[in-house]
PDB file of N, CA and C in Angstrom:
ATOM      1  N   MET A   1      40.433   7.002  28.529  1.00  0.00           N
ATOM      2  CA  MET A   1      39.617   6.045  28.236  1.00  0.00           C
ATOM      3  C   MET A   1      39.370   5.350  26.945  1.00  0.00           C
ATOM      4  N   ALA A   2      38.812   3.625  26.666  1.00  0.00           N
ATOM      5  CA  ALA A   2      38.631   4.014  25.762  1.00  0.00           C
ATOM      6  C   ALA A   2      37.427   3.818  25.648  1.00  0.00           C
ATOM      7  N   VAL A   3      37.029   3.199  23.947  1.00  0.00           N
ATOM      8  CA  VAL A   3      36.046   3.683  23.234  1.00  0.00           C
ATOM      9  C   VAL A   3      35.629   2.194  22.923  1.00  0.00           C
ATOM     10  N   SER A   4      34.211   2.327  23.309  1.00  0.00           N
ATOM     11  CA  SER A   4      34.163   0.716  22.250  1.00  0.00           C
ATOM     12  C   SER A   4      33.451   0.572  20.902  1.00  0.00           C
ATOM     13  N   LYS A   5      33.948  -0.755  20.491  1.00  0.00           N
ATOM     14  CA  LYS A   5      33.850  -0.215  19.073  1.00  0.00           C
ATOM     15  C   LYS A   5      31.438  -0.614  18.452  1.00  0.00           C
ATOM     16  N   ALA A   6      30.668  -1.260  19.694  1.00  0.00           N
ATOM     17  CA  ALA A   6      29.390  -1.051  19.776  1.00  0.00           C
ATOM     18  C   ALA A   6      29.124   0.586  19.632  1.00  0.00           C
ATOM     19  N   SER A   7      30.070   1.246  20.897  1.00  0.00           N
ATOM     20  CA  SER A   7      29.457   2.503  20.387  1.00  0.00           C
ATOM     21  C   SER A   7      29.439   3.282  19.446  1.00  0.00           C
ATOM     22  N   LEU A   8      30.526   2.967  18.669  1.00  0.00           N
ATOM     23  CA  LEU A   8      30.841   3.735  17.355  1.00  0.00           C
ATOM     24  C   LEU A   8      29.959   3.503  16.666  1.00  0.00           C
ATOM     25  N   ARG A   9      29.884   2.123  15.763  1.00  0.00           N
ATOM     26  CA  ARG A   9      28.457   1.995  15.396  1.00  0.00           C
ATOM     27  C   ARG A   9      27.199   2.412  15.110  1.00  0.00           C
ATOM     28  N   GLY A  10      27.466   2.466  16.863  1.00  0.00           N
ATOM     29  CA  GLY A  10      25.736   2.978  17.365  1.00  0.00           C
ATOM     30  C   GLY A  10      25.524   4.382  16.683  1.00  0.00           C
ATOM     31  N   LEU A  11      27.301   5.191  16.820  1.00  0.00           N
ATOM     32  CA  LEU A  11      27.074   6.371  16.181  1.00  0.00           C
ATOM     33  C   LEU A  11      27.366   6.648  14.724  1.00  0.00           C
ATOM     34  N   ARG A  12      27.654   6.099  13.842  1.00  0.00           N
ATOM     35  CA  ARG A  12      27.452   6.204  12.359  1.00  0.00           C
ATOM     36  C   ARG A  12      26.041   5.525  11.913  1.00  0.00           C
ATOM     37  N   MET A  13      25.274   4.701  12.586  1.00  0.00           N
ATOM     38  CA  MET A  13      23.792   4.087  12.495  1.00  0.00           C
ATOM     39  C   MET A  13      23.152   5.531  12.800  1.00  0.00           C
ATOM     40  N   ASN A  14      23.791   6.479  13.438  1.00  0.00           N
ATOM     41  CA  ASN A  14      22.515   7.540  13.868  1.00  0.00           C
ATOM     42  C   ASN A  14      22.529   8.973  13.143  1.00  0.00           C
ATOM     43  N   GLU A  15      23.899   8.732  12.635  1.00  0.00           N
ATOM     44  CA  GLU A  15      24.447  10.279  11.323  1.00  0.00           C
ATOM     45  C   GLU A  15      23.175   9.691  10.834  1.00  0.00           C
ATOM     46  N   ARG A  16      23.358   8.437  10.381  1.00  0.00           N
ATOM     47  CA  ARG A  16      22.708   7.452   9.032  1.00  0.00           C
ATOM     48  C   ARG A  16      21.970   8.111   8.531  1.00  0.00           C
ATOM     49  N   MET A  17      20.919   8.272   9.599  1.00  0.00           N
ATOM     50  CA  MET A  17      19.798   7.949  10.965  1.00  0.00           C
ATOM     51  C   MET A  17      19.025   9.067  10.753  1.00  0.00           C
ATOM     52  N   GLN A  18      20.053  10.390  10.428  1.00  0.00           N
ATOM     53  CA  GLN A  18      19.894  11.348  10.999  1.00  0.00           C
ATOM     54  C   GLN A  18      19.821  12.481   9.429  1.00  0.00           C
ATOM     55  N   LYS A  19      20.886  11.852   8.551  1.00  0.00           N
ATOM     56  CA  LYS A  19      21.347  12.319   7.067  1.00  0.00           C
ATOM     57  C   LYS A  19      19.782  10.978   6.064  1.00  0.00           C
ATOM     58  N   ILE A  20      18.980  10.573   6.784  1.00  0.00           N
ATOM     59  CA  ILE A  20      17.780   9.680   5.577  1.00  0.00           C
ATOM     60  C   ILE A  20      16.425  10.270   5.934  1.00  0.00           C
ATOM     61  N   ARG A  21      16.452  10.692   7.925  1.00  0.00           N
ATOM     62  CA  ARG A  21      15.299  11.941   8.049  1.00  0.00           C
ATOM     63  C   ARG A  21      15.288  13.453   7.480  1.00  0.00           C
ATOM     64  N   GLU A  22      16.558  14.264   6.993  1.00  0.00           N
ATOM     65  CA  GLU A  22      16.472  15.257   6.485  1.00  0.00           C
ATOM     66  C   GLU A  22      16.407  15.007   4.812  1.00  0.00           C
ATOM     67  N   ALA A  23      17.106  13.816   4.388  1.00  0.00           N
ATOM     68  CA  ALA A  23      16.910  13.267   3.114  1.00  0.00           C
ATOM     69  C   ALA A  23      14.603  13.421   2.352  1.00  0.00           C
ATOM     70  N   ASN A  24      14.107  12.819   3.770  1.00  0.00           N
ATOM     71  CA  ASN A  24      12.791  12.404   3.346  1.00  0.00           C
ATOM     72  C   ASN A  24      12.033  13.230   3.782  1.00  0.00           C
ATOM     73  N   LYS A  25      12.971  15.001   4.615  1.00  0.00           N
ATOM     74  CA  LYS A  25      12.182  16.155   4.456  1.00  0.00           C
ATOM     75  C   LYS A  25      10.910  16.831   3.884  1.00  0.00           C
ATOM     76  N   PRO A  26      10.280  17.210   4.049  1.00  0.00           N
ATOM     77  CA  PRO A  26       9.109  17.812   2.780  1.00  0.00           C
ATOM     78  C   PRO A  26       9.752  18.816   2.277  1.00  0.00           C
ATOM     79  N   ARG A  27       9.772  19.088   1.227  1.00  0.00           N
ATOM     80  CA  ARG A  27      10.628  21.221   0.258  1.00  0.00           C
ATOM     81  C   ARG A  27       9.371  21.747   0.866  1.00  0.00           C
ATOM     82  N   THR A  28       9.258  23.297   1.481  1.00  0.00           N
ATOM     83  CA  THR A  28       8.503  23.846   1.126  1.00  0.00           C
ATOM     84  C   THR A  28       8.501  25.678   0.645  1.00  0.00           C
ATOM     85  N   VAL A  29       7.826  25.808   0.195  1.00  0.00           N
ATOM     86  CA  VAL A  29       8.043  26.993  -0.976  1.00  0.00           C
ATOM     87  C   VAL A  29       7.592  28.259   0.296  1.00  0.00           C
ATOM     88  N   ARG A  30       8.317  29.305   0.005  1.00  0.00           N
ATOM     89  CA  ARG A  30       7.546  30.997   1.039  1.00  0.00           C
ATOM     90  C   ARG A  30       6.618  31.243  -0.016  1.00  0.00           C
ATOM     91  N   VAL A  31       5.705  31.831  -0.137  1.00  0.00           N
ATOM     92  CA  VAL A  31       3.529  31.829  -1.096  1.00  0.00           C
ATOM     93  C   VAL A  31       3.852  33.429  -0.371  1.00  0.00           C
ATOM     94  N   THR A  32       2.740  34.614  -1.059  1.00  0.00           N
ATOM     95  CA  THR A  32       2.664  35.397  -1.027  1.00  0.00           C
ATOM     96  C   THR A  32       1.417  35.187  -1.840  1.00  0.00           C
ATOM     97  N   PRO A  33       0.203  35.625  -1.526  1.00  0.00           N
ATOM     98  CA  PRO A  33      -1.259  35.569  -2.430  1.00  0.00           C
ATOM     99  C   PRO A  33      -1.015  37.009  -2.818  1.00  0.00           C
ATOM    100  N   ALA A  34      -2.158  37.097  -4.545  1.00  0.00           N
ATOM    101  CA  ALA A  34      -2.087  37.537  -5.096  1.00  0.00           C
ATOM    102  C   ALA A  34      -2.660  38.875  -4.572  1.00  0.00           C
ATOM    103  N   ASN A  35      -3.794  38.699  -3.962  1.00  0.00           N
ATOM    104  CA  ASN A  35      -4.833  39.839  -3.892  1.00  0.00           C
ATOM    105  C   ASN A  35      -4.724  39.877  -2.453  1.00  0.00           C
ATOM    106  N   ASP A  36      -5.777  40.810  -1.555  1.00  0.00           N
ATOM    107  CA  ASP A  36      -6.184  39.628   0.008  1.00  0.00           C
ATOM    108  C   ASP A  36      -7.589  39.157  -0.157  1.00  0.00           C
ATOM    109  N   ASP A  37      -8.700  38.898  -1.237  1.00  0.00           N
ATOM    110  CA  ASP A  37      -9.428  37.924  -1.441  1.00  0.00           C
ATOM    111  C   ASP A  37      -8.784  36.774  -1.669  1.00  0.00           C
ATOM    112  N   MET A  38      -7.710  36.379  -2.460  1.00  0.00           N
ATOM    113  CA  MET A  38      -6.636  35.446  -2.010  1.00  0.00           C
ATOM    114  C   MET A  38      -6.191  35.163  -0.570  1.00  0.00           C
ATOM    115  N   ARG A  39      -5.560  36.085   0.031  1.00  0.00           N
ATOM    116  CA  ARG A  39      -5.444  35.963   1.792  1.00  0.00           C
ATOM    117  C   ARG A  39      -6.211  35.415   2.646  1.00  0.00           C
ATOM    118  N   ARG A  40      -7.388  36.164   1.731  1.00  0.00           N
ATOM    119  CA  ARG A  40      -8.778  36.511   2.865  1.00  0.00           C
ATOM    120  C   ARG A  40      -9.269  34.779   2.960  1.00  0.00           C
ATOM    121  N   LEU A  41      -9.346  34.238   1.329  1.00  0.00           N
ATOM    122  CA  LEU A  41      -9.993  32.739   1.122  1.00  0.00           C
ATOM    123  C   LEU A  41      -9.225  31.735   1.314  1.00  0.00           C
ATOM    124  N   LEU A  42      -7.682  32.280   0.818  1.00  0.00           N
ATOM    125  CA  LEU A  42      -6.977  30.423   0.471  1.00  0.00           C
ATOM    126  C   LEU A  42      -6.043  29.835   1.758  1.00  0.00           C
ATOM    127  N   LYS A  43      -6.836  28.054   1.591  1.00  0.00           N
ATOM    128  CA  LYS A  43      -6.178  27.752   3.101  1.00  0.00           C
ATOM    129  C   LYS A  43      -5.714  26.364   2.333  1.00  0.00           C
ATOM    130  N   HIS A  44      -4.634  26.597   2.573  1.00  0.00           N
ATOM    131  CA  HIS A  44      -3.534  25.098   2.296  1.00  0.00           C
ATOM    132  C   HIS A  44      -4.280  24.045   3.367  1.00  0.00           C
ATOM    133  N   PRO A  45      -4.726  22.616   2.923  1.00  0.00           N
ATOM    134  CA  PRO A  45      -4.819  21.536   3.805  1.00  0.00           C
ATOM    135  C   PRO A  45      -4.232  21.653   4.510  1.00  0.00           C
ATOM    136  N   HIS A  46      -3.100  21.293   4.787  1.00  0.00           N
ATOM    137  CA  HIS A  46      -1.693  21.021   5.752  1.00  0.00           C
ATOM    138  C   HIS A  46      -1.066  22.437   6.246  1.00  0.00           C
ATOM    139  N   ALA A  47      -0.989  23.101   5.480  1.00  0.00           N
ATOM    140  CA  ALA A  47      -0.158  24.066   6.128  1.00  0.00           C
ATOM    141  C   ALA A  47      -1.298  25.530   7.010  1.00  0.00           C
ATOM    142  N   GLY A  48      -2.092  25.085   6.619  1.00  0.00           N
ATOM    143  CA  GLY A  48      -3.215  26.567   7.055  1.00  0.00           C
ATOM    144  C   GLY A  48      -3.046  28.264   6.283  1.00  0.00           C
ATOM    145  N   GLY A  49      -3.841  28.581   6.552  1.00  0.00           N
ATOM    146  CA  GLY A  49      -3.611  29.956   5.804  1.00  0.00           C
ATOM    147  C   GLY A  49      -2.608  31.030   5.889  1.00  0.00           C
ATOM    148  N   PHE A  50      -2.521  32.084   5.790  1.00  0.00           N
ATOM    149  CA  PHE A  50      -2.235  33.376   5.168  1.00  0.00           C
ATOM    150  C   PHE A  50      -1.939  33.885   6.463  1.00  0.00           C
ATOM    151  N   GLY A  51      -1.920  35.507   7.289  1.00  0.00           N
ATOM    152  CA  GLY A  51      -1.299  35.802   7.908  1.00  0.00           C
ATOM    153  C   GLY A  51      -2.404  37.145   7.608  1.00  0.00           C
ATOM    154  N   LYS A  52      -2.063  37.901   8.110  1.00  0.00           N
ATOM    155  CA  LYS A  52      -2.860  39.918   8.346  1.00  0.00           C
ATOM    156  C   LYS A  52      -1.689  39.788   6.668  1.00  0.00           C
ATOM    157  N   GLU A  53      -0.446  40.030   7.625  1.00  0.00           N
ATOM    158  CA  GLU A  53      -0.220  40.658   6.751  1.00  0.00           C
ATOM    159  C   GLU A  53       1.392  39.462   6.149  1.00  0.00           C
ATOM    160  N   GLY A  54       1.694  39.658   4.537  1.00  0.00           N
ATOM    161  CA  GLY A  54       3.377  39.078   4.754  1.00  0.00           C
ATOM    162  C   GLY A  54       3.173  37.677   3.635  1.00  0.00           C
ATOM    163  N   SER A  55       3.534  36.263   4.320  1.00  0.00           N
ATOM    164  CA  SER A  55       4.007  35.366   3.354  1.00  0.00           C
ATOM    165  C   SER A  55       3.560  33.953   4.025  1.00  0.00           C
ATOM    166  N   ALA A  56       3.226  33.427   3.580  1.00  0.00           N
ATOM    167  CA  ALA A  56       4.010  31.867   4.582  1.00  0.00           C
ATOM    168  C   ALA A  56       4.598  30.742   4.210  1.00  0.00           C
ATOM    169  N   GLU A  57       4.816  29.533   4.770  1.00  0.00           N
ATOM    170  CA  GLU A  57       5.161  28.839   4.442  1.00  0.00           C
ATOM    171  C   GLU A  57       4.764  27.453   3.992  1.00  0.00           C
ATOM    172  N   TRP A  58       4.657  26.852   2.589  1.00  0.00           N
ATOM    173  CA  TRP A  58       3.975  25.751   2.299  1.00  0.00           C
ATOM    174  C   TRP A  58       4.497  25.153   1.852  1.00  0.00           C
ATOM    175  N   PRO A  59       4.258  23.418   1.922  1.00  0.00           N
ATOM    176  CA  PRO A  59       4.689  22.415   1.238  1.00  0.00           C
ATOM    177  C   PRO A  59       4.969  22.566  -0.648  1.00  0.00           C
ATOM    178  N   ASP A  60       6.128  22.241  -0.947  1.00  0.00           N
ATOM    179  CA  ASP A  60       6.162  22.026  -2.857  1.00  0.00           C
ATOM    180  C   ASP A  60       4.965  20.481  -3.086  1.00  0.00           C
ATOM    181  N   ASP A  61       3.865  20.950  -2.406  1.00  0.00           N
ATOM    182  CA  ASP A  61       2.827  20.455  -3.379  1.00  0.00           C
ATOM    183  C   ASP A  61       1.271  20.217  -4.642  1.00  0.00           C
ATOM    184  N   ARG A  62       1.322  19.617  -4.784  1.00  0.00           N
ATOM    185  CA  ARG A  62       0.296  19.672  -6.031  1.00  0.00           C
ATOM    186  C   ARG A  62      -0.775  21.060  -5.695  1.00  0.00           C
ATOM    187  N   PHE A  63      -0.800  20.988  -5.167  1.00  0.00           N
ATOM    188  CA  PHE A  63      -2.084  21.943  -4.147  1.00  0.00           C
ATOM    189  C   PHE A  63      -0.754  23.024  -4.130  1.00  0.00           C
ATOM    190  N   THR A  64      -0.192  23.432  -4.020  1.00  0.00           N
ATOM    191  CA  THR A  64       1.030  24.377  -3.910  1.00  0.00           C
ATOM    192  C   THR A  64       1.203  24.465  -5.455  1.00  0.00           C
ATOM    193  N   GLN A  65       1.235  23.857  -5.938  1.00  0.00           N
ATOM    194  CA  GLN A  65       1.741  24.177  -7.420  1.00  0.00           C
ATOM    195  C   GLN A  65       0.450  24.318  -8.742  1.00  0.00           C
ATOM    196  N   ARG A  66      -0.436  24.171  -8.230  1.00  0.00           N
ATOM    197  CA  ARG A  66      -1.526  24.880  -8.970  1.00  0.00           C
ATOM    198  C   ARG A  66      -2.086  25.669  -8.376  1.00  0.00           C
ATOM    199  N   ARG A  67      -2.015  25.875  -7.585  1.00  0.00           N
ATOM    200  CA  ARG A  67      -2.295  27.514  -7.175  1.00  0.00           C
ATOM    201  C   ARG A  67      -1.527  28.470  -8.002  1.00  0.00           C
ATOM    202  N   LEU A  68      -0.217  28.694  -7.591  1.00  0.00           N
ATOM    203  CA  LEU A  68       1.292  28.587  -9.213  1.00  0.00           C
ATOM    204  C   LEU A  68       0.439  28.885  -9.627  1.00  0.00           C
ATOM    205  N   ALA A  69       0.922  27.897 -10.498  1.00  0.00           N
ATOM    206  CA  ALA A  69       0.124  27.946 -11.788  1.00  0.00           C
ATOM    207  C   ALA A  69      -1.151  28.828 -12.410  1.00  0.00           C
ATOM    208  N   ASP A  70      -1.915  28.587 -11.174  1.00  0.00           N
ATOM    209  CA  ASP A  70      -3.540  29.580 -11.404  1.00  0.00           C
ATOM    210  C   ASP A  70      -3.752  30.805 -11.027  1.00  0.00           C
ATOM    211  N   GLY A  71      -1.799  31.243 -10.486  1.00  0.00           N
ATOM    212  CA  GLY A  71      -2.201  32.494 -10.318  1.00  0.00           C
ATOM    213  C   GLY A  71      -2.902  33.033  -9.313  1.00  0.00           C
ATOM    214  N   ASP A  72      -2.762  32.321  -8.150  1.00  0.00           N
ATOM    215  CA  ASP A  72      -4.169  33.039  -6.740  1.00  0.00           C
ATOM    216  C   ASP A  72      -1.994  33.092  -5.726  1.00  0.00           C
ATOM    217  N   ILE A  73      -1.219  32.485  -6.045  1.00  0.00           N
ATOM    218  CA  ILE A  73      -0.401  33.302  -4.975  1.00  0.00           C
ATOM    219  C   ILE A  73       0.403  33.005  -5.742  1.00  0.00           C
ATOM    220  N   ARG A  74       2.487  33.838  -5.059  1.00  0.00           N
ATOM    221  CA  ARG A  74       3.358  34.027  -5.609  1.00  0.00           C
ATOM    222  C   ARG A  74       4.542  33.338  -5.229  1.00  0.00           C
ATOM    223  N   SER A  75       5.504  32.709  -5.464  1.00  0.00           N
ATOM    224  CA  SER A  75       6.368  33.316  -4.447  1.00  0.00           C
ATOM    225  C   SER A  75       7.065  33.398  -4.701  1.00  0.00           C
ATOM    226  N   ASP A  76       7.771  33.610  -3.257  1.00  0.00           N
ATOM    227  CA  ASP A  76       9.310  34.269  -3.414  1.00  0.00           C
ATOM    228  C   ASP A  76      10.151  33.718  -3.191  1.00  0.00           C
ATOM    229  N   ASP A  77       9.940  32.432  -3.795  1.00  0.00           N
ATOM    230  CA  ASP A  77      11.951  31.611  -3.375  1.00  0.00           C
ATOM    231  C   ASP A  77      12.378  31.702  -5.001  1.00  0.00           C
ATOM    232  N   GLY A  78      12.211  32.210  -5.994  1.00  0.00           N
ATOM    233  CA  GLY A  78      12.449  32.404  -6.862  1.00  0.00           C
ATOM    234  C   GLY A  78      11.933  32.889  -7.928  1.00  0.00           C
ATOM    235  N   PRO A  79      12.351  32.340  -9.396  1.00  0.00           N
ATOM    236  CA  PRO A  79      12.156  32.574 -10.602  1.00  0.00           C
ATOM    237  C   PRO A  79      10.122  31.960 -10.684  1.00  0.00           C
ATOM    238  N   PRO A  80       9.653  32.210 -11.049  1.00  0.00           N
ATOM    239  CA  PRO A  80       8.338  32.130 -11.290  1.00  0.00           C
ATOM    240  C   PRO A  80       8.367  30.475 -11.820  1.00  0.00           C
ATOM    241  N   HIS A  81       6.726  30.061 -11.243  1.00  0.00           N
ATOM    242  CA  HIS A  81       6.848  28.383 -11.564  1.00  0.00           C
ATOM    243  C   HIS A  81       6.120  28.474 -13.049  1.00  0.00           C
ATOM    244  N   HIS A  82       6.179  29.498 -14.272  1.00  0.00           N
ATOM    245  CA  HIS A  82       6.452  29.446 -15.522  1.00  0.00           C
ATOM    246  C   HIS A  82       7.624  28.757 -15.854  1.00  0.00           C
ATOM    247  N   GLU A  83       8.165  29.566 -15.569  1.00  0.00           N
ATOM    248  CA  GLU A  83       9.610  29.636 -16.042  1.00  0.00           C
ATOM    249  C   GLU A  83      10.605  28.693 -15.265  1.00  0.00           C
ATOM    250  N   ARG A  84      10.286  28.402 -14.550  1.00  0.00           N
ATOM    251  CA  ARG A  84      10.731  26.980 -12.839  1.00  0.00           C
ATOM    252  C   ARG A  84      10.628  25.714 -13.568  1.00  0.00           C
ATOM    253  N   ARG A  85       9.415  25.217 -13.906  1.00  0.00           N
ATOM    254  CA  ARG A  85       9.123  23.836 -14.492  1.00  0.00           C
ATOM    255  C   ARG A  85       8.694  24.011 -16.098  1.00  0.00           C
ATOM    256  N   SER A  86       8.568  23.169 -16.933  1.00  0.00           N
ATOM    257  CA  SER A  86       7.961  23.185 -18.136  1.00  0.00           C
ATOM    258  C   SER A  86       7.382  21.538 -18.663  1.00  0.00           C
ATOM    259  N   HIS A  87       6.737  21.442 -18.629  1.00  0.00           N
ATOM    260  CA  HIS A  87       5.733  20.681 -18.806  1.00  0.00           C
ATOM    261  C   HIS A  87       6.177  20.097 -20.687  1.00  0.00           C
ATOM    262  N   ARG A  88       6.429  20.541 -21.256  1.00  0.00           N
ATOM    263  CA  ARG A  88       6.196  20.721 -22.489  1.00  0.00           C
ATOM    264  C   ARG A  88       7.576  20.418 -23.198  1.00  0.00           C
ATOM    265  N   ARG A  89       7.983  20.007 -24.227  1.00  0.00           N
ATOM    266  CA  ARG A  89       9.212  18.995 -24.628  1.00  0.00           C
ATOM    267  C   ARG A  89       9.910  20.004 -25.299  1.00  0.00           C
ATOM    268  N   GLN A  90      10.977  20.472 -25.646  1.00  0.00           N
ATOM    269  CA  GLN A  90      10.905  21.696 -25.883  1.00  0.00           C
ATOM    270  C   GLN A  90      11.141  20.558 -28.044  1.00  0.00           C
ATOM    271  N   GLU A  91      10.816  21.851 -29.155  1.00  0.00           N
ATOM    272  CA  GLU A  91      10.623  21.243 -30.196  1.00  0.00           C
ATOM    273  C   GLU A  91      11.797  21.246 -30.792  1.00  0.00           C
ATOM    274  N   ASP A  92      12.190  20.298 -32.209  1.00  0.00           N
ATOM    275  CA  ASP A  92      13.147  20.879 -33.148  1.00  0.00           C
ATOM    276  C   ASP A  92      13.107  21.730 -33.973  1.00  0.00           C
ATOM    277  N   ASN A  93      13.181  22.700 -34.077  1.00  0.00           N
ATOM    278  CA  ASN A  93      12.424  23.468 -35.395  1.00  0.00           C
ATOM    279  C   ASN A  93      13.727  23.621 -36.453  1.00  0.00           C
ATOM    280  N   SER A  94      15.090  22.722 -36.670  1.00  0.00           N
ATOM    281  CA  SER A  94      15.559  22.705 -37.505  1.00  0.00           C
ATOM    282  C   SER A  94      15.167  22.075 -38.690  1.00  0.00           C
ATOM    283  N   GLY A  95      14.007  21.526 -39.150  1.00  0.00           N
ATOM    284  CA  GLY A  95      13.675  20.804 -40.381  1.00  0.00           C
ATOM    285  C   GLY A  95      14.429  20.116 -41.451  1.00  0.00           C
ATOM    286  N   ALA A  96      14.830  19.812 -40.104  1.00  0.00           N
ATOM    287  CA  ALA A  96      15.259  17.948 -41.023  1.00  0.00           C
ATOM    288  C   ALA A  96      14.774  16.959 -40.621  1.00  0.00           C
TER     289      ALA A  96
END
């Protein structure tokens, strides 16, 4: 049974579109509230709040980054926020 070039072209395009969809998918971060008050009060505008226990999956956006910086939540996905990103430039203290 022969396969037409048109069907192969469509297959390649579908594979390419799938890769584009995966690349544009928003990154998420697994977060845990700092205390029970934060668990009860904090709700992400798009992802919602926390359950009675455990962590939640939130988008890695400004809202989440601000809560991490404030200490209202903790990231379960790796190093603490302040170690992961630094907005300040490294200063050279060589005295030159």
